[in-house]
């Protein structure tokens, strides 16, 4: 027998409730760090009860890990994988992405604020040295990001757009490190202009790899 309308609606409501808790938790952790994040604020902002929160996530740590992993994975898929991996001209797509990333981020990432920096980098600095489970989760997310860039660089090289002697993995590592450095520099001065200027220099670096 198939599921009833009421059962399907219940499942949908459960999914929506979980999504809202995840989104609220991620925002709270991004703005205040893991240690500064408050479950009471998450409950208040999400509009659900403490019982509802603990129904999905038995502890603050489990909630935080789920919020970080699911939110950043979706970010990578939406803003890196989808626009870059299937591009007909991978080099042009990568350059365009670097050039427009400030606009893309500020227009589409609701909670992102330059003065708070990169949520992934913030948590790596806060949690990786002191918690092995956080360290593994954050490293996996960072590696996924770097691997996406590596695949784009590989495609550009295969199409003859980049010099044959470059190492895509090393290029991707530098691009991501430079990107995180740009965000940190902008965070330090709370300046979008600093971010934009730094990203222009990253664009120059990628152009220098062209065949």
Protein backbone atom coordinates (compact mmCIF):
# COMPACT_ATOMS: atom_id res chain seq x y z
CA UNK A 1 0.00 0.00 0.00
CA UNK A 2 1.17 3.52 -0.77
CA UNK A 3 1.58 6.22 1.81
CA UNK A 4 -1.43 8.40 2.54
CA UNK A 5 -1.63 12.15 1.96
CA UNK A 6 -1.44 12.73 5.71
CA UNK A 7 1.68 10.59 5.98
CA UNK A 8 3.34 12.43 3.10
CA UNK A 9 2.44 15.78 4.64
CA UNK A 10 3.86 14.64 7.98
CA UNK A 11 7.14 13.64 6.33
CA UNK A 12 7.28 16.96 4.49
CA UNK A 13 6.62 18.88 7.73
CA UNK A 14 9.35 16.90 9.48
CA UNK A 15 11.79 17.72 6.69
CA UNK A 16 10.90 21.41 6.74
CA UNK A 17 11.26 21.56 10.52
CA UNK A 18 14.68 19.95 10.35
CA UNK A 19 15.78 22.28 7.55
CA UNK A 20 14.76 25.35 9.53
CA UNK A 21 16.60 24.16 12.64
CA UNK A 22 19.69 23.44 10.52
CA UNK A 23 19.58 26.89 8.87
CA UNK A 24 19.10 28.68 12.19
CA UNK A 25 21.87 26.69 13.85
CA UNK A 26 24.31 27.39 11.03
CA UNK A 27 23.64 31.12 11.24
CA UNK A 28 24.10 31.09 15.02
CA UNK A 29 27.39 29.17 14.76
CA UNK A 30 28.65 31.38 11.94
CA UNK A 31 27.98 34.59 13.85
CA UNK A 32 29.17 33.41 17.26
CA UNK A 33 31.42 30.40 16.74
CA UNK A 34 30.69 26.94 18.06
CA UNK A 35 31.50 27.74 21.68
CA UNK A 36 29.58 31.01 21.60
CA UNK A 37 26.53 29.50 19.90
CA UNK A 38 23.46 29.31 22.12
CA UNK A 39 20.88 26.54 21.88
CA UNK A 40 18.36 28.89 23.51
CA UNK A 41 18.89 31.45 20.73
CA UNK A 42 18.56 28.73 18.09
CA UNK A 43 15.27 27.59 19.68
CA UNK A 44 13.98 31.16 19.91
CA UNK A 45 14.95 32.11 16.34
CA UNK A 46 13.70 28.89 14.77
CA UNK A 47 10.36 29.15 16.55
CA UNK A 48 10.42 25.53 17.69
CA UNK A 49 10.52 24.06 21.18
CA UNK A 50 13.53 22.56 22.94
CA UNK A 51 11.81 19.18 22.62
CA UNK A 52 11.55 19.57 18.86
CA UNK A 53 15.24 20.44 18.60
CA UNK A 54 16.32 17.45 20.70
CA UNK A 55 14.01 15.21 18.71
CA UNK A 56 16.25 15.75 15.67
CA UNK A 57 19.58 16.42 17.39
CA UNK A 58 20.34 14.92 20.81
CA UNK A 59 23.25 17.28 21.46
CA UNK A 60 24.67 20.65 20.47
CA UNK A 61 27.62 18.91 18.84
CA UNK A 62 25.44 16.69 16.64
CA UNK A 63 23.38 19.73 15.61
CA UNK A 64 26.49 21.75 14.82
CA UNK A 65 28.13 19.01 12.75
CA UNK A 66 24.94 18.43 10.74
CA UNK A 67 24.41 22.15 10.18
CA UNK A 68 27.98 22.72 9.05
CA UNK A 69 28.24 19.66 6.80
CA UNK A 70 24.84 20.04 5.11
CA UNK A 71 25.01 23.81 4.64
CA UNK A 72 28.54 23.95 3.25
CA UNK A 73 27.96 20.91 1.03
CA UNK A 74 24.93 22.65 -0.47
CA UNK A 75 26.96 25.86 -0.91
CA UNK A 76 29.69 23.99 -2.79
CA UNK A 77 27.20 22.20 -5.02
CA UNK A 78 25.21 25.37 -5.80
CA UNK A 79 27.97 27.95 -6.19
CA UNK A 80 30.94 25.87 -7.36
CA UNK A 81 30.03 22.48 -8.78
CA UNK A 82 26.96 23.38 -10.84
CA UNK A 83 28.32 26.53 -12.55
CA UNK A 84 31.85 25.24 -13.14
CA UNK A 85 32.05 21.51 -13.73
CA UNK A 86 29.76 21.43 -16.76
CA UNK A 87 31.00 24.64 -18.35
CA UNK A 88 31.91 24.34 -22.02
CA UNK A 89 34.86 26.69 -21.46
CA UNK A 90 36.26 25.78 -18.02
CA UNK A 91 38.99 28.44 -17.95
CA UNK A 92 36.57 31.25 -18.83
CA UNK A 93 34.08 29.89 -16.30
CA UNK A 94 36.72 29.81 -13.54
CA UNK A 95 37.92 33.31 -14.32
CA UNK A 96 34.37 34.61 -14.45
CA UNK A 97 33.63 32.90 -11.14
CA UNK A 98 36.63 34.47 -9.44
CA UNK A 99 35.76 37.87 -10.88
CA UNK A 100 32.13 37.73 -9.78
CA UNK A 101 32.47 35.77 -6.55
CA UNK A 102 32.01 38.84 -4.32
CA UNK A 103 28.70 39.60 -6.04
CA UNK A 104 27.64 35.94 -6.07
CA UNK A 105 28.32 35.50 -2.36
CA UNK A 106 26.71 38.71 -1.15
CA UNK A 107 23.67 38.33 -3.39
CA UNK A 108 22.93 34.70 -2.61
CA UNK A 109 24.30 33.80 0.82
CA UNK A 110 21.88 35.33 3.27
CA UNK A 111 23.99 35.29 6.42
CA UNK A 112 27.42 35.95 4.91
CA UNK A 113 29.05 39.11 6.22
CA UNK A 114 32.59 40.09 5.31
CA UNK A 115 33.37 41.08 8.91
CA UNK A 116 32.71 37.49 10.03
CA UNK A 117 34.83 35.87 7.33
CA UNK A 118 34.53 32.34 5.94
CA UNK A 119 32.48 30.01 8.15
CA UNK A 120 34.53 26.96 7.16
CA UNK A 121 37.86 28.66 7.87
CA UNK A 122 36.56 30.10 11.14
CA UNK A 123 35.56 26.66 12.38
CA UNK A 124 38.81 25.06 11.22
CA UNK A 125 40.70 27.54 13.37
CA UNK A 126 38.34 27.22 16.33
CA UNK A 127 37.59 23.49 16.42
CA UNK A 128 40.12 21.43 14.44
CA UNK A 129 42.89 21.67 17.07
CA UNK A 130 40.64 20.53 19.92
CA UNK A 131 38.06 18.07 18.52
CA UNK A 132 38.89 15.15 16.22
CA UNK A 133 35.34 14.70 14.91
CA UNK A 134 35.10 18.36 13.96
CA UNK A 135 38.58 18.16 12.43
CA UNK A 136 37.60 15.20 10.20
CA UNK A 137 34.34 16.82 9.09
CA UNK A 138 35.94 20.18 8.33
CA UNK A 139 38.89 18.60 6.51
CA UNK A 140 36.51 16.56 4.35
CA UNK A 141 34.56 19.70 3.40
CA UNK A 142 37.73 21.63 2.61
CA UNK A 143 39.05 18.73 0.53
CA UNK A 144 35.75 18.55 -1.37
CA UNK A 145 36.07 22.22 -2.23
CA UNK A 146 39.68 21.81 -3.35
CA UNK A 147 38.82 18.71 -5.39
CA UNK A 148 36.08 20.62 -7.23
CA UNK A 149 38.60 23.27 -8.24
CA UNK A 150 41.11 20.58 -9.21
CA UNK A 151 38.58 19.00 -11.59
CA UNK A 152 37.89 22.37 -13.23
CA UNK A 153 41.62 23.02 -13.70
CA UNK A 154 42.09 19.49 -15.11
CA UNK A 155 39.34 20.07 -17.68
CA UNK A 156 40.88 23.37 -18.69
CA UNK A 157 44.27 21.71 -19.15
CA UNK A 158 42.74 18.81 -21.14
CA UNK A 159 41.15 21.34 -23.49
CA UNK A 160 44.54 22.96 -24.06
CA UNK A 161 43.57 26.16 -22.27
CA UNK A 162 46.29 25.86 -19.62
CA UNK A 163 49.97 24.99 -19.82
CA UNK A 164 50.51 21.23 -20.02
CA UNK A 165 53.13 21.22 -17.25
CA UNK A 166 50.91 22.57 -14.48
CA UNK A 167 49.79 20.31 -11.63
CA UNK A 168 46.01 20.79 -11.24
CA UNK A 169 46.00 19.68 -7.61
CA UNK A 170 48.70 22.18 -6.67
CA UNK A 171 46.97 24.96 -8.61
CA UNK A 172 43.68 24.20 -6.88
CA UNK A 173 45.37 24.18 -3.48
CA UNK A 174 46.85 27.62 -4.18
CA UNK A 175 43.58 29.05 -5.56
CA UNK A 176 41.63 27.96 -2.49
CA UNK A 177 44.36 29.10 -0.10
CA UNK A 178 44.45 32.48 -1.84
CA UNK A 179 40.66 32.75 -1.74
CA UNK A 180 40.64 32.08 2.00
CA UNK A 181 43.44 34.62 2.40
CA UNK A 182 41.39 37.22 0.52
CA UNK A 183 38.42 36.62 2.81
CA UNK A 184 40.63 36.87 5.90
CA UNK A 185 42.21 40.11 4.70
CA UNK A 186 38.75 41.56 4.08
CA UNK A 187 37.56 40.35 7.49
CA UNK A 188 40.52 42.07 9.17
CA UNK A 189 39.62 45.44 7.69
CA UNK A 190 35.86 44.78 7.29
CA UNK A 191 36.22 45.86 3.68
CA UNK A 192 34.46 44.49 0.61
CA UNK A 193 36.87 46.57 -1.48
CA UNK A 194 39.81 44.64 0.01
CA UNK A 195 38.12 41.37 -0.93
CA UNK A 196 37.47 42.56 -4.49
CA UNK A 197 41.03 43.86 -4.96
CA UNK A 198 42.53 40.64 -3.63
CA UNK A 199 40.32 38.54 -5.90
CA UNK A 200 41.51 40.54 -8.91
CA UNK A 201 45.06 39.46 -8.12
CA UNK A 202 43.88 35.85 -7.95
CA UNK A 203 42.38 36.33 -11.40
CA UNK A 204 45.76 37.54 -12.66
CA UNK A 205 47.39 34.39 -11.27
CA UNK A 206 44.94 32.10 -13.09
CA UNK A 207 45.46 34.04 -16.31
CA UNK A 208 49.22 33.47 -15.97
CA UNK A 209 48.61 29.73 -16.30
CA UNK A 210 47.03 30.03 -19.75
CA UNK A 211 48.62 28.15 -22.63
